[in-house]
Amino acid sequence: MLHYVGLDVSVKSVSICVVDEDGEVLARGETSSDPDEIASFIFEHSAKPERLVSTPFQFSPKVPK
């Protein structure tokens, strides 16, 4: 099953939503803007997301593959 991740990035925190290919929300939460915390949340809820999308933001952290 395909999973997609949306990121809403701000300076101090990131809201994250993981959905499946049917649009069903699998997980929703918020972490600090620390890249390790973001990656941990994503991979806790989706082992290998098909695509990540984020709001455009100048200081967006890089999420490792």
Foldseek 3Di string as FASTA:
>chain_A
DAKEKEWEDDQFKIWIWIAHPVRHTQDTDMDTQPLVVVQVVCCVRPVDHPYYYYDDDPPRDDHDD
